[in-house]
N, C-alpha and C. Protein backbone atom coordinates (compact mmCIF):
# COMPACT_ATOMS: atom_id res chain seq x y z
N UNK A 1 -139.45 2.00 -9.10
CA UNK A 1 -138.14 2.59 -9.19
C UNK A 1 -137.12 1.60 -8.66
N UNK A 2 -135.90 1.76 -9.08
CA UNK A 2 -134.81 0.91 -8.62
C UNK A 2 -134.05 1.67 -7.54
N UNK A 3 -133.86 1.02 -6.42
CA UNK A 3 -133.15 1.61 -5.29
C UNK A 3 -131.85 0.85 -5.10
N UNK A 4 -130.75 1.55 -4.95
CA UNK A 4 -129.47 0.90 -4.71
C UNK A 4 -129.44 0.37 -3.28
N UNK A 5 -129.29 -0.94 -3.15
CA UNK A 5 -129.26 -1.56 -1.83
C UNK A 5 -127.81 -1.67 -1.35
N UNK A 6 -127.63 -1.83 -0.05
CA UNK A 6 -126.28 -1.88 0.51
C UNK A 6 -125.55 -3.18 0.16
N UNK A 7 -126.07 -4.30 0.62
CA UNK A 7 -125.36 -5.57 0.42
C UNK A 7 -125.94 -6.40 -0.71
N UNK A 8 -127.21 -6.18 -1.04
CA UNK A 8 -127.82 -6.85 -2.19
C UNK A 8 -127.59 -5.98 -3.42
N UNK A 9 -127.77 -6.55 -4.60
CA UNK A 9 -127.62 -5.75 -5.82
C UNK A 9 -128.53 -4.55 -5.77
N UNK A 10 -129.73 -4.69 -6.25
CA UNK A 10 -130.68 -3.58 -6.25
C UNK A 10 -131.99 -4.01 -5.64
N UNK A 11 -132.86 -3.05 -5.49
CA UNK A 11 -134.16 -3.31 -4.88
C UNK A 11 -135.21 -2.58 -5.72
N UNK A 12 -136.32 -3.26 -6.03
CA UNK A 12 -137.41 -2.63 -6.78
C UNK A 12 -138.42 -2.09 -5.79
N UNK A 13 -138.73 -0.80 -5.92
CA UNK A 13 -139.74 -0.16 -5.08
C UNK A 13 -140.92 0.18 -5.97
N UNK A 14 -142.13 0.02 -5.46
CA UNK A 14 -143.33 0.41 -6.19
C UNK A 14 -144.19 1.32 -5.33
N UNK A 15 -145.04 2.06 -5.99
CA UNK A 15 -145.87 3.06 -5.33
C UNK A 15 -147.17 2.43 -4.86
N UNK A 16 -147.49 2.59 -3.59
CA UNK A 16 -148.75 2.11 -3.01
C UNK A 16 -149.41 3.27 -2.27
N UNK A 17 -150.53 3.76 -2.81
CA UNK A 17 -151.20 4.88 -2.15
C UNK A 17 -150.28 6.09 -2.08
N UNK A 18 -149.88 6.48 -0.86
CA UNK A 18 -149.00 7.64 -0.70
C UNK A 18 -147.62 7.24 -0.20
N UNK A 19 -147.21 6.00 -0.41
CA UNK A 19 -145.89 5.55 0.03
C UNK A 19 -145.26 4.63 -1.00
N UNK A 20 -143.97 4.38 -0.88
CA UNK A 20 -143.29 3.41 -1.73
C UNK A 20 -142.83 2.25 -0.86
N UNK A 21 -142.94 1.03 -1.38
CA UNK A 21 -142.57 -0.16 -0.64
C UNK A 21 -141.67 -1.05 -1.48
N UNK A 22 -140.80 -1.80 -0.84
CA UNK A 22 -139.93 -2.75 -1.52
C UNK A 22 -140.74 -3.95 -1.99
N UNK A 23 -140.57 -4.32 -3.27
CA UNK A 23 -141.28 -5.48 -3.79
C UNK A 23 -140.34 -6.59 -4.26
N UNK A 24 -139.07 -6.27 -4.46
CA UNK A 24 -138.11 -7.28 -4.90
C UNK A 24 -136.71 -6.86 -4.48
N UNK A 25 -136.03 -7.73 -3.75
CA UNK A 25 -134.65 -7.47 -3.34
C UNK A 25 -133.72 -8.40 -4.11
N UNK A 26 -132.46 -8.00 -4.27
CA UNK A 26 -131.48 -8.83 -4.95
C UNK A 26 -131.61 -8.78 -6.46
N UNK A 27 -132.08 -7.66 -7.00
CA UNK A 27 -132.26 -7.51 -8.44
C UNK A 27 -130.91 -7.58 -9.14
N UNK A 28 -130.83 -8.39 -10.17
CA UNK A 28 -129.59 -8.52 -10.92
C UNK A 28 -129.38 -7.31 -11.82
N UNK A 29 -128.13 -7.06 -12.17
CA UNK A 29 -127.77 -5.96 -13.06
C UNK A 29 -127.85 -6.45 -14.50
N UNK A 30 -129.08 -6.62 -15.00
CA UNK A 30 -129.33 -7.11 -16.34
C UNK A 30 -130.43 -6.26 -16.97
N UNK A 31 -130.62 -6.41 -18.29
CA UNK A 31 -131.67 -5.66 -18.98
C UNK A 31 -133.03 -6.05 -18.43
N UNK A 32 -133.86 -5.04 -18.12
CA UNK A 32 -135.17 -5.29 -17.53
C UNK A 32 -136.20 -4.46 -18.28
N UNK A 33 -137.38 -5.04 -18.47
CA UNK A 33 -138.51 -4.37 -19.09
C UNK A 33 -139.57 -4.13 -18.04
N UNK A 34 -140.14 -2.92 -18.04
CA UNK A 34 -141.19 -2.57 -17.09
C UNK A 34 -142.45 -2.15 -17.84
N UNK A 35 -143.60 -2.55 -17.34
CA UNK A 35 -144.87 -2.09 -17.88
C UNK A 35 -145.74 -1.71 -16.69
N UNK A 36 -146.36 -0.55 -16.76
CA UNK A 36 -147.29 -0.10 -15.73
C UNK A 36 -148.64 0.12 -16.40
N UNK A 37 -149.65 -0.60 -15.94
CA UNK A 37 -150.99 -0.46 -16.46
C UNK A 37 -151.77 0.44 -15.49
N UNK A 38 -152.16 1.61 -15.98
CA UNK A 38 -152.92 2.53 -15.15
C UNK A 38 -154.38 2.09 -15.12
N UNK A 39 -154.99 2.22 -13.96
CA UNK A 39 -156.40 1.87 -13.76
C UNK A 39 -157.15 3.11 -13.30
N UNK A 40 -158.45 3.01 -13.17
CA UNK A 40 -159.22 4.16 -12.68
C UNK A 40 -158.69 4.60 -11.32
N UNK A 41 -158.37 3.65 -10.48
CA UNK A 41 -157.71 3.89 -9.19
C UNK A 41 -156.47 3.03 -9.16
N UNK A 42 -155.31 3.66 -9.04
CA UNK A 42 -154.07 2.91 -8.89
C UNK A 42 -153.50 2.38 -10.20
N UNK A 43 -152.66 1.34 -10.07
CA UNK A 43 -151.95 0.79 -11.22
C UNK A 43 -151.53 -0.65 -10.91
N UNK A 44 -151.16 -1.35 -11.97
CA UNK A 44 -150.58 -2.69 -11.85
C UNK A 44 -149.20 -2.62 -12.47
N UNK A 45 -148.20 -3.15 -11.77
CA UNK A 45 -146.81 -3.09 -12.21
C UNK A 45 -146.33 -4.48 -12.64
N UNK A 46 -145.67 -4.53 -13.80
CA UNK A 46 -145.13 -5.77 -14.35
C UNK A 46 -143.67 -5.58 -14.69
N UNK A 47 -142.90 -6.68 -14.69
CA UNK A 47 -141.52 -6.61 -15.16
C UNK A 47 -141.10 -7.94 -15.76
N UNK A 48 -140.11 -7.87 -16.64
CA UNK A 48 -139.57 -9.06 -17.28
C UNK A 48 -138.09 -8.82 -17.55
N UNK A 49 -137.37 -9.90 -17.77
CA UNK A 49 -135.96 -9.83 -18.08
C UNK A 49 -135.59 -11.06 -18.90
N UNK A 50 -134.32 -11.34 -18.94
CA UNK A 50 -133.87 -12.53 -19.68
C UNK A 50 -134.34 -13.79 -18.98
N UNK A 51 -134.20 -14.91 -19.64
CA UNK A 51 -134.60 -16.19 -19.05
C UNK A 51 -133.81 -16.44 -17.77
N UNK A 52 -134.50 -16.89 -16.74
CA UNK A 52 -133.92 -17.19 -15.43
C UNK A 52 -133.41 -15.96 -14.68
N UNK A 53 -133.90 -14.78 -15.01
CA UNK A 53 -133.56 -13.59 -14.25
C UNK A 53 -134.23 -13.67 -12.87
N UNK A 54 -133.50 -13.38 -11.82
CA UNK A 54 -134.03 -13.52 -10.46
C UNK A 54 -135.21 -12.59 -10.23
N UNK A 55 -136.36 -13.17 -9.86
CA UNK A 55 -137.54 -12.40 -9.48
C UNK A 55 -138.33 -11.79 -10.61
N UNK A 56 -137.91 -12.00 -11.85
CA UNK A 56 -138.60 -11.41 -12.99
C UNK A 56 -139.18 -12.50 -13.87
N UNK A 57 -140.11 -12.13 -14.73
CA UNK A 57 -140.59 -13.06 -15.75
C UNK A 57 -139.58 -13.13 -16.87
N UNK A 58 -139.64 -14.15 -17.67
CA UNK A 58 -138.76 -14.27 -18.83
C UNK A 58 -139.43 -13.60 -20.02
N UNK A 59 -138.79 -12.56 -20.57
CA UNK A 59 -139.38 -11.81 -21.67
C UNK A 59 -139.73 -12.76 -22.80
N UNK A 60 -140.93 -12.66 -23.39
CA UNK A 60 -141.91 -11.59 -23.33
C UNK A 60 -142.98 -11.81 -22.26
N UNK A 61 -142.83 -12.78 -21.39
CA UNK A 61 -143.82 -13.03 -20.34
C UNK A 61 -143.56 -12.10 -19.16
N UNK A 62 -144.45 -11.16 -18.96
CA UNK A 62 -144.31 -10.18 -17.90
C UNK A 62 -144.83 -10.76 -16.59
N UNK A 63 -144.11 -10.51 -15.49
CA UNK A 63 -144.52 -10.98 -14.17
C UNK A 63 -145.11 -9.82 -13.39
N UNK A 64 -146.32 -9.97 -12.84
CA UNK A 64 -146.85 -8.89 -12.00
C UNK A 64 -146.05 -8.81 -10.70
N UNK A 65 -145.64 -7.62 -10.35
CA UNK A 65 -144.86 -7.47 -9.11
C UNK A 65 -145.59 -6.66 -8.06
N UNK A 66 -146.63 -5.91 -8.47
CA UNK A 66 -147.38 -5.13 -7.47
C UNK A 66 -148.69 -4.64 -8.07
N UNK A 67 -149.67 -4.45 -7.18
CA UNK A 67 -150.95 -3.84 -7.54
C UNK A 67 -151.22 -2.74 -6.53
N UNK A 68 -151.45 -1.54 -7.04
CA UNK A 68 -151.80 -0.41 -6.18
C UNK A 68 -153.28 -0.09 -6.43
N UNK A 69 -154.17 -0.47 -5.53
CA UNK A 69 -155.59 -0.22 -5.73
C UNK A 69 -156.08 1.11 -5.15
N UNK A 70 -155.18 1.94 -4.58
CA UNK A 70 -155.62 3.11 -3.83
C UNK A 70 -155.36 4.45 -4.50
N UNK A 71 -154.31 4.58 -5.24
CA UNK A 71 -153.89 5.90 -5.72
C UNK A 71 -154.96 6.55 -6.59
N UNK A 72 -155.30 7.79 -6.25
CA UNK A 72 -156.30 8.55 -6.99
C UNK A 72 -155.74 9.82 -7.59
N UNK A 73 -154.40 9.92 -7.72
CA UNK A 73 -153.79 11.11 -8.30
C UNK A 73 -154.26 11.33 -9.71
N UNK A 74 -154.51 12.58 -10.07
CA UNK A 74 -154.84 12.92 -11.44
C UNK A 74 -153.61 13.25 -12.26
N UNK A 75 -152.48 13.51 -11.59
CA UNK A 75 -151.23 13.86 -12.27
C UNK A 75 -150.41 12.60 -12.51
N UNK A 76 -149.82 12.52 -13.69
CA UNK A 76 -148.97 11.38 -14.05
C UNK A 76 -147.63 11.92 -14.51
N UNK A 77 -146.54 11.41 -13.93
CA UNK A 77 -145.19 11.80 -14.31
C UNK A 77 -144.49 10.55 -14.82
N UNK A 78 -144.59 10.34 -16.13
CA UNK A 78 -144.00 9.14 -16.74
C UNK A 78 -142.51 9.36 -16.95
N UNK A 79 -141.76 8.28 -16.87
CA UNK A 79 -140.32 8.37 -17.08
C UNK A 79 -139.78 7.10 -17.71
N UNK A 80 -138.62 7.22 -18.32
CA UNK A 80 -137.96 6.07 -18.92
C UNK A 80 -136.58 5.95 -18.31
């Protein structure tokens, strides 16, 4: 999820087990692509943006930003 930061642009938060943690600060206000690969336990999070986007891969090359190896929820709430 994107969290509005105070002095930095935005902050990317990802889900780890039963908590959310910051994985990228200073996110630019540009078009961003997200992919979440669900696993038997947890998920892997990827993101990409335009060339030279801060902290992101250059589309179509997705950059892994987090791996959650713990989550065992059976419920999934997908959003766009």
